[in-house]
C-alpha atoms as a PDB file:
ATOM      1  CA  MET A   1       0.865 -13.508 -64.535  1.00  0.00           C
ATOM      2  CA  THR A   2       0.794 -16.489 -66.909  1.00  0.00           C
ATOM      3  CA  LEU A   3      -2.536 -15.423 -68.364  1.00  0.00           C
ATOM      4  CA  VAL A   4      -1.391 -11.825 -68.857  1.00  0.00           C
ATOM      5  CA  SER A   5       1.769 -12.929 -70.638  1.00  0.00           C
ATOM      6  CA  SER A   6       0.055 -15.551 -72.822  1.00  0.00           C
ATOM      7  CA  SER A   7      -3.269 -13.860 -73.675  1.00  0.00           C
ATOM      8  CA  LYS A   8      -3.118 -11.082 -76.262  1.00  0.00           C
ATOM      9  CA  ASN A   9      -6.402  -9.619 -74.987  1.00  0.00           C
ATOM     10  CA  LEU A  10      -4.694  -8.890 -71.659  1.00  0.00           C
ATOM     11  CA  HIS A  11      -1.727  -7.033 -73.164  1.00  0.00           C
ATOM     12  CA  THR A  12      -2.932  -3.713 -71.768  1.00  0.00           C
ATOM     13  CA  PRO A  13      -1.350  -1.312 -69.230  1.00  0.00           C
ATOM     14  CA  MET A  14      -3.826  -2.259 -66.491  1.00  0.00           C
ATOM     15  CA  TYR A  15      -3.018  -5.984 -66.644  1.00  0.00           C
ATOM     16  CA  PHE A  16       0.690  -5.284 -67.009  1.00  0.00           C
ATOM     17  CA  PHE A  17       0.584  -3.391 -63.713  1.00  0.00           C
ATOM     18  CA  ILE A  18      -1.506  -6.159 -62.119  1.00  0.00           C
ATOM     19  CA  SER A  19       1.165  -8.692 -63.093  1.00  0.00           C
ATOM     20  CA  GLN A  20       3.798  -6.439 -61.501  1.00  0.00           C
ATOM     21  CA  LEU A  21       1.644  -6.282 -58.373  1.00  0.00           C
ATOM     22  CA  SER A  22       1.530 -10.086 -58.384  1.00  0.00           C
ATOM     23  CA  ILE A  23       5.337 -10.221 -58.403  1.00  0.00           C
ATOM     24  CA  SER A  24       5.413  -7.896 -55.391  1.00  0.00           C
ATOM     25  CA  ASP A  25       2.799  -9.980 -53.543  1.00  0.00           C
ATOM     26  CA  ILE A  26       4.735 -13.208 -54.191  1.00  0.00           C
ATOM     27  CA  TRP A  27       7.933 -11.482 -53.040  1.00  0.00           C
ATOM     28  CA  LEU A  28       6.299 -10.253 -49.828  1.00  0.00           C
ATOM     29  CA  THR A  29       4.708 -13.624 -49.079  1.00  0.00           C
ATOM     30  CA  ILE A  30       8.013 -15.483 -49.500  1.00  0.00           C
ATOM     31  CA  VAL A  31       9.811 -12.980 -47.260  1.00  0.00           C
ATOM     32  CA  ILE A  32       7.253 -12.961 -44.415  1.00  0.00           C
ATOM     33  CA  VAL A  33       5.022 -16.049 -44.308  1.00  0.00           C
ATOM     34  CA  PRO A  34       7.453 -19.048 -44.194  1.00  0.00           C
ATOM     35  CA  ASN A  35       9.429 -17.616 -41.283  1.00  0.00           C
ATOM     36  CA  MET A  36       6.208 -16.519 -39.558  1.00  0.00           C
ATOM     37  CA  LEU A  37       4.792 -20.072 -39.756  1.00  0.00           C
ATOM     38  CA  HIS A  38       8.096 -21.466 -38.489  1.00  0.00           C
ATOM     39  CA  ILE A  39       7.943 -19.143 -35.467  1.00  0.00           C
ATOM     40  CA  LEU A  40       4.314 -20.048 -34.731  1.00  0.00           C
ATOM     41  CA  LEU A  41       4.919 -23.800 -35.009  1.00  0.00           C
ATOM     42  CA  ASN A  42       7.928 -23.609 -32.679  1.00  0.00           C
ATOM     43  CA  ASN A  43       6.339 -21.126 -30.261  1.00  0.00           C
ATOM     44  CA  GLY A  44       9.113 -18.653 -30.935  1.00  0.00           C
ATOM     45  CA  GLU A  45      12.416 -19.039 -32.738  1.00  0.00           C
ATOM     46  CA  THR A  46      15.881 -17.481 -32.903  1.00  0.00           C
ATOM     47  CA  ILE A  47      16.914 -15.453 -35.943  1.00  0.00           C
ATOM     48  CA  ALA A  48      20.376 -14.008 -36.576  1.00  0.00           C
ATOM     49  CA  ILE A  49      20.593 -10.218 -36.673  1.00  0.00           C
ATOM     50  CA  ASN A  50      21.879 -10.285 -40.268  1.00  0.00           C
ATOM     51  CA  ASP A  51      18.948 -12.476 -41.330  1.00  0.00           C
ATOM     52  CA  CYS A  52      16.553 -10.148 -39.515  1.00  0.00           C
ATOM     53  CA  ILE A  53      17.917  -7.068 -41.279  1.00  0.00           C
ATOM     54  CA  THR A  54      17.856  -8.929 -44.613  1.00  0.00           C
ATOM     55  CA  GLN A  55      14.187  -9.778 -44.101  1.00  0.00           C
ATOM     56  CA  PHE A  56      13.517  -6.133 -43.247  1.00  0.00           C
ATOM     57  CA  TYR A  57      15.285  -5.035 -46.448  1.00  0.00           C
ATOM     58  CA  PHE A  58      13.191  -7.211 -48.766  1.00  0.00           C
ATOM     59  CA  PHE A  59      10.041  -6.297 -46.835  1.00  0.00           C
ATOM     60  CA  VAL A  60      10.655  -2.563 -47.364  1.00  0.00           C
ATOM     61  CA  VAL A  61      11.412  -3.121 -51.068  1.00  0.00           C
ATOM     62  CA  SER A  62       8.056  -4.839 -51.569  1.00  0.00           C
ATOM     63  CA  GLU A  63       6.034  -2.346 -49.511  1.00  0.00           C
ATOM     64  CA  THR A  64       7.642   0.712 -51.124  1.00  0.00           C
ATOM     65  CA  PHE A  65       7.159  -0.734 -54.589  1.00  0.00           C
ATOM     66  CA  GLU A  66       3.494  -1.465 -53.890  1.00  0.00           C
ATOM     67  CA  CYS A  67       2.917   2.083 -52.598  1.00  0.00           C
ATOM     68  CA  LEU A  68       4.340   3.502 -55.809  1.00  0.00           C
ATOM     69  CA  LEU A  69       2.707   0.950 -58.111  1.00  0.00           C
ATOM     70  CA  LEU A  70      -0.768   1.572 -56.664  1.00  0.00           C
ATOM     71  CA  THR A  71      -0.171   5.257 -57.398  1.00  0.00           C
ATOM     72  CA  VAL A  72       0.788   4.464 -60.987  1.00  0.00           C
ATOM     73  CA  MET A  73      -2.318   2.303 -61.343  1.00  0.00           C
ATOM     74  CA  SER A  74      -4.527   5.152 -60.085  1.00  0.00           C
ATOM     75  CA  TYR A  75      -2.970   7.420 -62.723  1.00  0.00           C
ATOM     76  CA  ASP A  76      -3.628   4.737 -65.350  1.00  0.00           C
ATOM     77  CA  ARG A  77      -7.336   4.630 -64.351  1.00  0.00           C
ATOM     78  CA  TYR A  78      -7.438   8.440 -64.365  1.00  0.00           C
ATOM     79  CA  VAL A  79      -6.165   8.612 -67.949  1.00  0.00           C
ATOM     80  CA  ALA A  80      -8.496   5.788 -69.066  1.00  0.00           C
ATOM     81  CA  ILE A  81     -11.618   7.496 -67.686  1.00  0.00           C
ATOM     82  CA  TYR A  82     -10.797  11.215 -67.739  1.00  0.00           C
ATOM     83  CA  ASN A  83      -9.000  11.266 -71.111  1.00  0.00           C
ATOM     84  CA  PRO A  84      -9.928   8.029 -72.937  1.00  0.00           C
ATOM     85  CA  LEU A  85      -9.195   9.332 -76.470  1.00  0.00           C
ATOM     86  CA  CYS A  86      -5.522   9.869 -75.620  1.00  0.00           C
ATOM     87  CA  TYR A  87      -5.157   6.763 -73.462  1.00  0.00           C
ATOM     88  CA  THR A  88      -3.298   4.576 -75.967  1.00  0.00           C
ATOM     89  CA  SER A  89      -0.925   7.390 -76.937  1.00  0.00           C
ATOM     90  CA  ILE A  90      -0.112   8.234 -73.295  1.00  0.00           C
ATOM     91  CA  MET A  91       0.021   4.786 -71.672  1.00  0.00           C
ATOM     92  CA  THR A  92       2.308   3.153 -74.211  1.00  0.00           C
ATOM     93  CA  ARG A  93       4.087  -0.101 -73.442  1.00  0.00           C
ATOM     94  CA  ALA A  94       7.454   1.659 -73.181  1.00  0.00           C
ATOM     95  CA  PHE A  95       6.018   4.241 -70.763  1.00  0.00           C
ATOM     96  CA  CYS A  96       4.482   1.494 -68.604  1.00  0.00           C
ATOM     97  CA  VAL A  97       7.809  -0.361 -68.449  1.00  0.00           C
ATOM     98  CA  ILE A  98       9.603   2.863 -67.480  1.00  0.00           C
ATOM     99  CA  LEU A  99       7.077   3.508 -64.685  1.00  0.00           C
ATOM    100  CA  SER A 100       7.448  -0.053 -63.391  1.00  0.00           C
ATOM    101  CA  VAL A 101      11.261   0.078 -63.466  1.00  0.00           C
ATOM    102  CA  PHE A 102      11.178   3.435 -61.673  1.00  0.00           C
ATOM    103  CA  CYS A 103       8.981   1.966 -58.917  1.00  0.00           C
ATOM    104  CA  TRP A 104      11.336  -0.992 -58.442  1.00  0.00           C
ATOM    105  CA  PHE A 105      14.424   1.234 -58.509  1.00  0.00           C
ATOM    106  CA  LEU A 106      13.013   3.648 -55.925  1.00  0.00           C
ATOM    107  CA  GLY A 107      11.868   0.754 -53.706  1.00  0.00           C
ATOM    108  CA  ILE A 108      15.301  -0.898 -53.812  1.00  0.00           C
ATOM    109  CA  SER A 109      17.134   2.401 -53.233  1.00  0.00           C
ATOM    110  CA  ILE A 110      15.013   3.543 -50.286  1.00  0.00           C
ATOM    111  CA  SER A 111      15.176   0.111 -48.673  1.00  0.00           C
ATOM    112  CA  LEU A 112      18.963   0.142 -49.054  1.00  0.00           C
ATOM    113  CA  VAL A 113      19.170   3.502 -47.246  1.00  0.00           C
ATOM    114  CA  TYR A 114      17.118   2.183 -44.321  1.00  0.00           C
ATOM    115  CA  THR A 115      19.016  -1.092 -44.131  1.00  0.00           C
ATOM    116  CA  ILE A 116      22.498   0.447 -44.152  1.00  0.00           C
ATOM    117  CA  THR A 117      21.568   2.879 -41.373  1.00  0.00           C
ATOM    118  CA  ILE A 118      19.915   0.198 -39.206  1.00  0.00           C
ATOM    119  CA  SER A 119      22.847  -2.219 -39.694  1.00  0.00           C
ATOM    120  CA  LYS A 120      25.131   0.359 -38.055  1.00  0.00           C
ATOM    121  CA  LEU A 121      23.055   0.445 -34.856  1.00  0.00           C
ATOM    122  CA  ASN A 122      24.074  -1.408 -31.706  1.00  0.00           C
ATOM    123  CA  PHE A 123      21.553  -3.930 -30.360  1.00  0.00           C
ATOM    124  CA  CYS A 124      21.546  -5.062 -26.744  1.00  0.00           C
ATOM    125  CA  GLY A 125      19.282  -6.343 -23.981  1.00  0.00           C
ATOM    126  CA  LEU A 126      17.054  -9.381 -24.359  1.00  0.00           C
ATOM    127  CA  ASN A 127      16.888  -8.969 -28.157  1.00  0.00           C
ATOM    128  CA  VAL A 128      13.339 -10.315 -28.195  1.00  0.00           C
ATOM    129  CA  ILE A 129      11.134  -9.080 -31.053  1.00  0.00           C
ATOM    130  CA  ASP A 130       7.501  -9.290 -30.001  1.00  0.00           C
ATOM    131  CA  HIS A 131       6.345  -9.465 -33.599  1.00  0.00           C
ATOM    132  CA  PHE A 132       5.996 -12.057 -36.336  1.00  0.00           C
ATOM    133  CA  PHE A 133       8.615 -10.462 -38.595  1.00  0.00           C
ATOM    134  CA  CYS A 134      11.468  -7.942 -38.411  1.00  0.00           C
ATOM    135  CA  ASP A 135       9.591  -4.675 -38.773  1.00  0.00           C
ATOM    136  CA  LEU A 136      11.018  -1.180 -38.314  1.00  0.00           C
ATOM    137  CA  VAL A 137       9.535  -0.250 -34.931  1.00  0.00           C
ATOM    138  CA  PRO A 138      10.397  -3.539 -33.129  1.00  0.00           C
ATOM    139  CA  LEU A 139      13.971  -3.308 -34.446  1.00  0.00           C
ATOM    140  CA  LEU A 140      14.434   0.277 -33.274  1.00  0.00           C
ATOM    141  CA  GLU A 141      13.104  -0.629 -29.826  1.00  0.00           C
ATOM    142  CA  LEU A 142      16.007  -3.072 -29.408  1.00  0.00           C
ATOM    143  CA  ALA A 143      18.675  -0.550 -30.389  1.00  0.00           C
ATOM    144  CA  CYS A 144      20.986   0.797 -27.676  1.00  0.00           C
ATOM    145  CA  SER A 145      22.493   3.530 -29.866  1.00  0.00           C
ATOM    146  CA  ASP A 146      20.813   6.761 -30.932  1.00  0.00           C
ATOM    147  CA  THR A 147      18.078   6.197 -33.539  1.00  0.00           C
ATOM    148  CA  PHE A 148      17.583   9.861 -34.463  1.00  0.00           C
ATOM    149  CA  ILE A 149      19.049   9.406 -37.964  1.00  0.00           C
ATOM    150  CA  VAL A 150      16.727   6.477 -38.686  1.00  0.00           C
ATOM    151  CA  HIS A 151      13.653   8.423 -37.563  1.00  0.00           C
ATOM    152  CA  LEU A 152      14.802  11.393 -39.657  1.00  0.00           C
ATOM    153  CA  GLU A 153      15.152   9.130 -42.701  1.00  0.00           C
ATOM    154  CA  VAL A 154      11.683   7.715 -42.098  1.00  0.00           C
ATOM    155  CA  TYR A 155      10.126  11.179 -42.013  1.00  0.00           C
ATOM    156  CA  LEU A 156      12.042  12.477 -45.043  1.00  0.00           C
ATOM    157  CA  LEU A 157      11.611   9.374 -47.216  1.00  0.00           C
ATOM    158  CA  SER A 158       7.916   9.130 -46.339  1.00  0.00           C
ATOM    159  CA  ILE A 159       7.397  12.210 -48.542  1.00  0.00           C
ATOM    160  CA  PRO A 160       8.188  10.458 -51.877  1.00  0.00           C
ATOM    161  CA  THR A 161       6.887   7.044 -50.764  1.00  0.00           C
ATOM    162  CA  VAL A 162       3.696   7.873 -48.822  1.00  0.00           C
ATOM    163  CA  ILE A 163       2.699  11.555 -48.838  1.00  0.00           C
ATOM    164  CA  ILE A 164       3.132  12.280 -52.564  1.00  0.00           C
ATOM    165  CA  PRO A 165       1.592   8.938 -53.695  1.00  0.00           C
ATOM    166  CA  THR A 166      -1.411   9.486 -51.402  1.00  0.00           C
ATOM    167  CA  THR A 167      -1.892  12.998 -52.813  1.00  0.00           C
ATOM    168  CA  ILE A 168      -1.717  11.708 -56.401  1.00  0.00           C
ATOM    169  CA  ILE A 169      -4.224   8.934 -55.645  1.00  0.00           C
ATOM    170  CA  ILE A 170      -6.682  11.361 -54.029  1.00  0.00           C
ATOM    171  CA  LEU A 171      -6.390  13.824 -56.918  1.00  0.00           C
ATOM    172  CA  SER A 172      -6.728  11.035 -59.494  1.00  0.00           C
ATOM    173  CA  TYR A 173      -9.888   9.621 -57.937  1.00  0.00           C
ATOM    174  CA  THR A 174     -11.361  13.090 -57.453  1.00  0.00           C
ATOM    175  CA  CYS A 175     -10.998  13.669 -61.206  1.00  0.00           C
ATOM    176  CA  ILE A 176     -12.301  10.146 -61.900  1.00  0.00           C
ATOM    177  CA  VAL A 177     -15.440  10.705 -59.794  1.00  0.00           C
ATOM    178  CA  LEU A 178     -16.074  14.070 -61.471  1.00  0.00           C
ATOM    179  CA  ALA A 179     -15.675  12.457 -64.898  1.00  0.00           C
ATOM    180  CA  ILE A 180     -18.022   9.589 -63.990  1.00  0.00           C
ATOM    181  CA  LEU A 181     -20.689  12.000 -62.739  1.00  0.00           C
ATOM    182  CA  LYS A 182     -20.650  13.733 -66.129  1.00  0.00           C
ATOM    183  CA  ILE A 183     -21.629  10.490 -67.877  1.00  0.00           C
ATOM    184  CA  GLN A 184     -25.351  10.688 -68.600  1.00  0.00           C
ATOM    185  CA  SER A 185     -26.287   6.993 -68.811  1.00  0.00           C
ATOM    186  CA  ASN A 186     -26.446   4.856 -65.678  1.00  0.00           C
ATOM    187  CA  SER A 187     -24.894   1.893 -67.483  1.00  0.00           C
ATOM    188  CA  GLY A 188     -21.997   4.061 -68.598  1.00  0.00           C
ATOM    189  CA  ARG A 189     -21.389   5.268 -65.047  1.00  0.00           C
ATOM    190  CA  ARG A 190     -21.497   1.716 -63.687  1.00  0.00           C
ATOM    191  CA  LYS A 191     -19.078   0.487 -66.341  1.00  0.00           C
ATOM    192  CA  ALA A 192     -16.669   3.364 -65.722  1.00  0.00           C
ATOM    193  CA  PHE A 193     -16.743   2.876 -61.956  1.00  0.00           C
ATOM    194  CA  SER A 194     -16.297  -0.909 -62.221  1.00  0.00           C
ATOM    195  CA  THR A 195     -12.954  -0.393 -63.991  1.00  0.00           C
ATOM    196  CA  CYS A 196     -11.465   1.308 -60.925  1.00  0.00           C
ATOM    197  CA  SER A 197     -13.493  -0.127 -58.019  1.00  0.00           C
ATOM    198  CA  SER A 198     -11.126  -3.095 -57.527  1.00  0.00           C
ATOM    199  CA  HIS A 199      -8.111  -0.832 -57.360  1.00  0.00           C
ATOM    200  CA  LEU A 200      -9.879   1.529 -54.962  1.00  0.00           C
ATOM    201  CA  ILE A 201     -10.641  -1.354 -52.569  1.00  0.00           C
ATOM    202  CA  VAL A 202      -7.014  -2.520 -52.521  1.00  0.00           C
ATOM    203  CA  VAL A 203      -5.713   1.039 -52.098  1.00  0.00           C
ATOM    204  CA  SER A 204      -8.101   1.673 -49.194  1.00  0.00           C
ATOM    205  CA  ILE A 205      -7.030  -1.485 -47.311  1.00  0.00           C
ATOM    206  CA  PHE A 206      -3.329  -1.046 -47.997  1.00  0.00           C
ATOM    207  CA  TYR A 207      -2.971   2.666 -47.225  1.00  0.00           C
ATOM    208  CA  TRP A 208      -5.316   2.616 -44.220  1.00  0.00           C
ATOM    209  CA  THR A 209      -3.219  -0.040 -42.509  1.00  0.00           C
ATOM    210  CA  MET A 210       0.076   1.596 -43.506  1.00  0.00           C
ATOM    211  CA  TYR A 211      -1.012   4.960 -42.118  1.00  0.00           C
ATOM    212  CA  SER A 212      -2.345   3.330 -38.949  1.00  0.00           C
ATOM    213  CA  VAL A 213       0.925   1.516 -38.213  1.00  0.00           C
ATOM    214  CA  TYR A 214       3.632   3.916 -39.413  1.00  0.00           C
ATOM    215  CA  VAL A 215       2.315   7.428 -40.029  1.00  0.00           C
ATOM    216  CA  VAL A 216      -0.240   8.238 -37.336  1.00  0.00           C
ATOM    217  CA  PRO A 217      -0.076   5.490 -34.677  1.00  0.00           C
ATOM    218  CA  THR A 218      -2.183   6.390 -31.663  1.00  0.00           C
ATOM    219  CA  LYS A 219      -0.830   6.287 -28.111  1.00  0.00           C
ATOM    220  CA  ARG A 220      -3.568   3.838 -27.173  1.00  0.00           C
ATOM    221  CA  GLN A 221      -2.626   1.462 -29.976  1.00  0.00           C
ATOM    222  CA  ASN A 222      -1.090  -1.525 -28.226  1.00  0.00           C
ATOM    223  CA  LEU A 223       1.254  -4.069 -29.717  1.00  0.00           C
ATOM    224  CA  SER A 224      -1.493  -6.612 -30.446  1.00  0.00           C
ATOM    225  CA  ILE A 225      -3.403  -4.107 -32.594  1.00  0.00           C
ATOM    226  CA  SER A 226      -0.199  -3.118 -34.354  1.00  0.00           C
ATOM    227  CA  LYS A 227       0.572  -6.753 -35.183  1.00  0.00           C
ATOM    228  CA  PHE A 228      -2.992  -7.320 -36.399  1.00  0.00           C
ATOM    229  CA  LEU A 229      -2.758  -4.295 -38.716  1.00  0.00           C
ATOM    230  CA  SER A 230       0.598  -5.570 -39.965  1.00  0.00           C
ATOM    231  CA  LEU A 231      -1.069  -8.852 -40.881  1.00  0.00           C
ATOM    232  CA  LEU A 232      -3.502  -6.963 -43.108  1.00  0.00           C
ATOM    233  CA  TYR A 233      -0.882  -5.553 -45.456  1.00  0.00           C
ATOM    234  CA  THR A 234       1.641  -8.414 -45.248  1.00  0.00           C
ATOM    235  CA  VAL A 235      -0.691 -11.429 -45.480  1.00  0.00           C
ATOM    236  CA  PHE A 236      -4.300 -10.388 -46.073  1.00  0.00           C
ATOM    237  CA  THR A 237      -3.690  -7.928 -48.929  1.00  0.00           C
ATOM    238  CA  PRO A 238      -1.575 -10.381 -51.012  1.00  0.00           C
ATOM    239  CA  LEU A 239      -4.286 -12.983 -50.345  1.00  0.00           C
ATOM    240  CA  VAL A 240      -7.218 -10.869 -51.556  1.00  0.00           C
ATOM    241  CA  ASN A 241      -5.438  -9.143 -54.465  1.00  0.00           C
ATOM    242  CA  PRO A 242      -5.852 -12.153 -56.817  1.00  0.00           C
ATOM    243  CA  ILE A 243      -9.508 -12.422 -55.791  1.00  0.00           C
ATOM    244  CA  ILE A 244     -10.262  -8.738 -56.284  1.00  0.00           C
ATOM    245  CA  TYR A 245      -8.286  -8.268 -59.502  1.00  0.00           C
ATOM    246  CA  SER A 246      -8.639 -11.672 -61.152  1.00  0.00           C
ATOM    247  CA  LEU A 247     -11.487 -13.895 -60.017  1.00  0.00           C
ATOM    248  CA  LYS A 248     -14.034 -11.046 -60.182  1.00  0.00           C
ATOM    249  CA  ASN A 249     -12.728  -9.794 -63.541  1.00  0.00           C
ATOM    250  CA  SER A 250     -14.612 -10.779 -66.697  1.00  0.00           C
ATOM    251  CA  ASP A 251     -11.541 -10.423 -68.937  1.00  0.00           C
ATOM    252  CA  ILE A 252      -9.538 -12.775 -66.722  1.00  0.00           C
ATOM    253  CA  LYS A 253     -12.423 -15.273 -66.662  1.00  0.00           C
ATOM    254  CA  LYS A 254     -12.598 -15.254 -70.468  1.00  0.00           C
ATOM    255  CA  ALA A 255      -8.830 -15.749 -70.690  1.00  0.00           C
ATOM    256  CA  ILE A 256      -9.039 -18.698 -68.269  1.00  0.00           C
ATOM    257  CA  GLN A 257     -11.869 -20.316 -70.283  1.00  0.00           C
ATOM    258  CA  LYS A 258      -9.970 -19.836 -73.540  1.00  0.00           C
ATOM    259  CA  ALA A 259      -6.808 -21.312 -72.015  1.00  0.00           C
ATOM    260  CA  VAL A 260      -8.745 -24.324 -70.659  1.00  0.00           C
ATOM    261  CA  HIS A 261     -10.483 -24.954 -73.981  1.00  0.00           C
ATOM    262  CA  LYS A 262      -7.163 -24.615 -75.827  1.00  0.00           C
ATOM    263  CA  HIS A 263      -5.534 -27.113 -73.433  1.00  0.00           C
ATOM    264  CA  ASP A 264      -8.426 -29.591 -73.791  1.00  0.00           C
ATOM    265  CA  ALA A 265      -8.264 -29.315 -77.565  1.00  0.00           C
END
């Protein structure tokens, strides 16, 4: 984020979206990891219901934002490869800011809908969450009141947050692959594919785990597998995003070297 803001060579839509993704990853890590480590070190811990719902709220904001942002980034790669001559006129700075604000606004709004509905439920029984954070399914399992409205919201709101973004990503990469195949030189194809390979890896990990946990969970999927898959998109993905997007990126490496040389001078 510091390099993107300070280096003029990185003032492009792609790196602007990567910096927004970094904010989301930091947000998610702060919300999940400290409390998770506290629970592990104490072999279980008590959390107030209001704190649990608050954690769930910020978790949904981050996950929804990342779903939408990854979609925006796939569209950015589509324009860059499929229509490169019009790229600068389409992906202007103002348009990128509008897309980012829209993603944050939709993430905050959808999370607020979920949180308000869940806060009105009655919780009873042992109130033990067999999970390392307050996720949707473990919370609903503790509810004594009817959860039909919550499940209905999940299905309806999954259309703008999961189904439509997945469709856009698939269509974008279909057009990208077709455009790359039309490039005659092998070096040109490799260069074009390298610009979107990092994003494709992150999208594959993130959406595969999200679909496995929330959209199409199998009956044989036990709680241990569900928690392991949750670790992938709450801990593993924020961990590997800087590696995939930054440490293996030549532009970032050049910016780091320039910043180091400037500091030494």
